[in-house]
Amino acid sequence: MASDIYLPWGQPAAWREANRTVEHLIRLHDPELKAAAVAAVKIQGLLASEIFPLMDELCLLTCSHCPDPCCLRAMVWIDFQDMLFLHLSGQIIPPTQLMRKRGETCAYLGIRGCTLPRMSRSWVCTRYMCPPQMAILRKKTSGVQKAFETAILEVKRARKEAEDEFIRVVR
């Protein structure tokens, strides 16, 4: 049955072990992981200055009266790049994976939306934009749209750079 398929690190023990391992490897290779840490700081800056303000505005305009909330039906999890970012940038690590298996609702969905700090959410959750939000973004100036698109691309590049550097150093 599809709902019995566990997501990456969906089991609590696997989640704890994955996080302990990443934390240990970062401590062990700290001096050599400076480039990965710089990429994480870059991601944090772009999220805080370019992405979160616009996403907060769009969510305020759309989420409270949405007839089909994405948070109720989306299949989300923290992937390896998310986990690296959380550890390298010193963010709060969620106590469990967002979902254990397919068909569940995110463990951090509260009555007023996500209960995780914005910086501790998965990239999928951070960058997702529903059709009504896209329509609002399209009405923004071309400068706002371009800055947002550029920030998204820069975050994607920095996530890949942090992952590649981590793998290069620890292998």
Protein backbone atom coordinates (compact mmCIF):
# COMPACT_ATOMS: atom_id res chain seq x y z
CA MET A 1 0.00 0.00 0.00
CA ALA A 2 1.39 3.45 -1.01
CA SER A 3 0.64 4.99 2.40
CA ASP A 4 2.92 2.41 4.01
CA ILE A 5 5.93 3.77 2.12
CA TYR A 6 8.09 5.70 4.58
CA LEU A 7 9.72 8.93 3.53
CA PRO A 8 13.46 9.55 4.00
CA TRP A 9 14.26 9.38 7.72
CA GLY A 10 10.54 9.00 8.44
CA GLN A 11 11.11 6.73 11.39
CA PRO A 12 12.12 8.65 14.55
CA ALA A 13 15.27 6.56 15.09
CA ALA A 14 16.40 7.12 11.49
CA TRP A 15 15.76 10.87 11.82
CA ARG A 16 17.82 11.09 15.01
CA GLU A 17 20.65 9.01 13.53
CA ALA A 18 20.80 11.06 10.31
CA ASN A 19 20.99 14.31 12.26
CA ARG A 20 23.59 12.94 14.69
CA THR A 21 25.70 11.75 11.76
CA VAL A 22 25.56 15.08 9.91
CA GLU A 23 26.35 16.95 13.14
CA HIS A 24 29.29 14.61 13.86
CA LEU A 25 30.70 14.95 10.33
CA ILE A 26 30.44 18.74 10.46
CA ARG A 27 32.28 18.82 13.81
CA LEU A 28 34.90 16.37 12.55
CA HIS A 29 35.56 18.28 9.31
CA ASP A 30 34.77 21.80 10.48
CA PRO A 31 37.91 23.52 9.15
CA GLU A 32 37.50 21.99 5.68
CA LEU A 33 33.78 22.82 5.48
CA LYS A 34 34.22 26.61 5.40
CA ALA A 35 32.91 26.87 1.81
CA ALA A 36 29.83 24.86 2.74
CA ALA A 37 29.28 27.08 5.79
CA VAL A 38 29.63 30.20 3.62
CA ALA A 39 27.01 28.78 1.24
CA ALA A 40 24.67 28.21 4.21
CA VAL A 41 25.14 31.81 5.36
CA LYS A 42 24.39 32.98 1.82
CA ILE A 43 21.19 30.91 1.79
CA GLN A 44 20.17 32.32 5.16
CA GLY A 45 20.70 35.88 3.95
CA LEU A 46 18.76 35.39 0.72
CA LEU A 47 15.89 33.73 2.55
CA ALA A 48 15.67 36.50 5.13
CA SER A 49 16.03 39.45 2.78
CA GLU A 50 14.59 38.38 -0.57
CA ILE A 51 12.30 35.38 -0.17
CA PHE A 52 10.58 35.41 3.23
CA PRO A 53 9.26 38.99 3.07
CA LEU A 54 7.48 38.32 -0.22
CA MET A 55 6.27 34.87 0.83
CA ASP A 56 4.93 36.30 4.11
CA GLU A 57 3.01 38.93 2.16
CA LEU A 58 1.61 36.37 -0.30
CA CYS A 59 0.61 33.99 2.50
CA LEU A 60 -1.12 36.80 4.37
CA LEU A 61 -3.15 37.61 1.26
CA THR A 62 -4.09 34.04 0.34
CA CYS A 63 -3.66 31.32 2.95
CA SER A 64 -6.24 32.32 5.55
CA HIS A 65 -9.14 31.92 3.13
CA CYS A 66 -7.79 29.16 0.88
CA PRO A 67 -10.40 26.50 0.03
CA ASP A 68 -7.71 23.83 -0.57
CA PRO A 69 -4.68 24.45 1.69
CA CYS A 70 -1.50 22.99 0.23
CA CYS A 71 -0.23 22.20 3.73
CA LEU A 72 -3.03 19.66 4.16
CA ARG A 73 -2.29 17.69 1.02
CA ALA A 74 1.37 18.29 0.13
CA MET A 75 3.89 15.50 0.56
CA VAL A 76 6.85 17.24 2.18
CA TRP A 77 10.02 16.24 3.95
CA ILE A 78 13.40 17.64 4.86
CA ASP A 79 15.86 16.44 2.26
CA PHE A 80 19.63 16.14 2.60
CA GLN A 81 20.30 19.69 1.39
CA ASP A 82 17.75 21.00 3.91
CA MET A 83 19.41 19.02 6.68
CA LEU A 84 22.85 20.35 5.75
CA PHE A 85 21.55 23.92 5.71
CA LEU A 86 19.93 23.51 9.12
CA HIS A 87 23.13 22.16 10.66
CA LEU A 88 25.61 24.43 8.88
CA SER A 89 23.65 27.58 9.68
CA GLY A 90 22.77 26.65 13.27
CA GLN A 91 19.00 26.52 12.77
CA ILE A 92 16.53 24.72 14.99
CA ILE A 93 16.37 21.07 13.93
CA PRO A 94 12.78 19.80 13.97
CA PRO A 95 12.38 16.93 16.46
CA THR A 96 10.99 14.66 13.72
CA GLN A 97 10.86 14.49 9.95
CA LEU A 98 7.97 16.57 8.55
CA MET A 99 6.07 13.42 7.59
CA ARG A 100 6.72 9.80 8.40
CA LYS A 101 5.01 8.29 5.38
CA ARG A 102 2.91 9.07 2.35
CA GLY A 103 -0.68 10.05 3.01
CA GLU A 104 0.00 11.81 6.30
CA THR A 105 -0.27 15.51 7.04
CA CYS A 106 2.85 17.44 8.02
CA ALA A 107 3.58 17.00 11.72
CA TYR A 108 4.15 20.76 12.06
CA LEU A 109 0.88 22.00 10.62
CA GLY A 110 -0.94 23.94 13.34
CA ILE A 111 -4.27 25.74 13.33
CA ARG A 112 -2.57 28.93 12.11
CA GLY A 113 -0.19 27.30 9.65
CA CYS A 114 3.31 25.97 10.07
CA THR A 115 4.63 25.83 13.62
CA LEU A 116 8.28 25.68 12.55
CA PRO A 117 10.37 28.84 12.33
CA ARG A 118 10.64 29.89 8.67
CA MET A 119 14.39 29.14 8.61
CA SER A 120 13.77 25.55 9.79
CA ARG A 121 11.28 24.65 7.07
CA SER A 122 12.07 22.53 4.05
CA TRP A 123 13.01 24.19 0.77
CA VAL A 124 9.91 22.65 -0.83
CA CYS A 125 7.71 24.45 1.70
CA THR A 126 9.68 27.68 1.42
CA ARG A 127 9.60 28.01 -2.36
CA TYR A 128 6.12 26.62 -3.09
CA MET A 129 3.75 29.16 -4.56
CA CYS A 130 0.12 28.30 -5.29
CA PRO A 131 -1.74 29.67 -8.36
CA PRO A 132 -3.35 32.60 -6.45
CA GLN A 133 0.07 33.58 -5.08
CA MET A 134 1.58 33.33 -8.57
CA ALA A 135 -1.16 35.63 -9.87
CA ILE A 136 -0.33 38.22 -7.20
CA LEU A 137 3.40 37.93 -7.96
CA ARG A 138 2.72 38.51 -11.67
CA LYS A 139 1.07 41.84 -10.75
CA LYS A 140 4.21 43.01 -8.93
CA THR A 141 6.76 45.17 -10.71
CA SER A 142 9.23 43.44 -12.98
CA GLY A 143 11.98 44.44 -10.52
CA VAL A 144 10.26 42.60 -7.65
CA GLN A 145 9.65 39.55 -9.84
CA LYS A 146 13.24 39.51 -11.10
CA ALA A 147 14.72 39.91 -7.60
CA PHE A 148 12.58 37.04 -6.34
CA GLU A 149 13.46 34.75 -9.26
CA THR A 150 17.15 35.59 -8.90
CA ALA A 151 17.06 34.85 -5.15
CA ILE A 152 15.38 31.47 -5.79
CA LEU A 153 18.07 30.54 -8.32
CA GLU A 154 20.85 31.71 -6.00
CA VAL A 155 19.46 29.64 -3.12
CA LYS A 156 19.26 26.58 -5.38
CA ARG A 157 22.89 27.09 -6.45
CA ALA A 158 24.06 27.60 -2.87
CA ARG A 159 22.19 24.49 -1.67
CA LYS A 160 23.92 22.43 -4.36
CA GLU A 161 27.27 24.03 -3.58
CA ALA A 162 26.95 23.22 0.15
CA GLU A 163 25.98 19.63 -0.63
CA ASP A 164 28.78 19.13 -3.17
CA GLU A 165 31.36 20.62 -0.80
CA PHE A 166 30.16 18.50 2.12
CA ILE A 167 30.34 15.31 0.07
CA ARG A 168 33.76 16.24 -1.32
CA VAL A 169 35.15 16.85 2.17
CA VAL A 170 33.67 13.90 4.07
CA ARG A 171 34.09 11.09 1.53
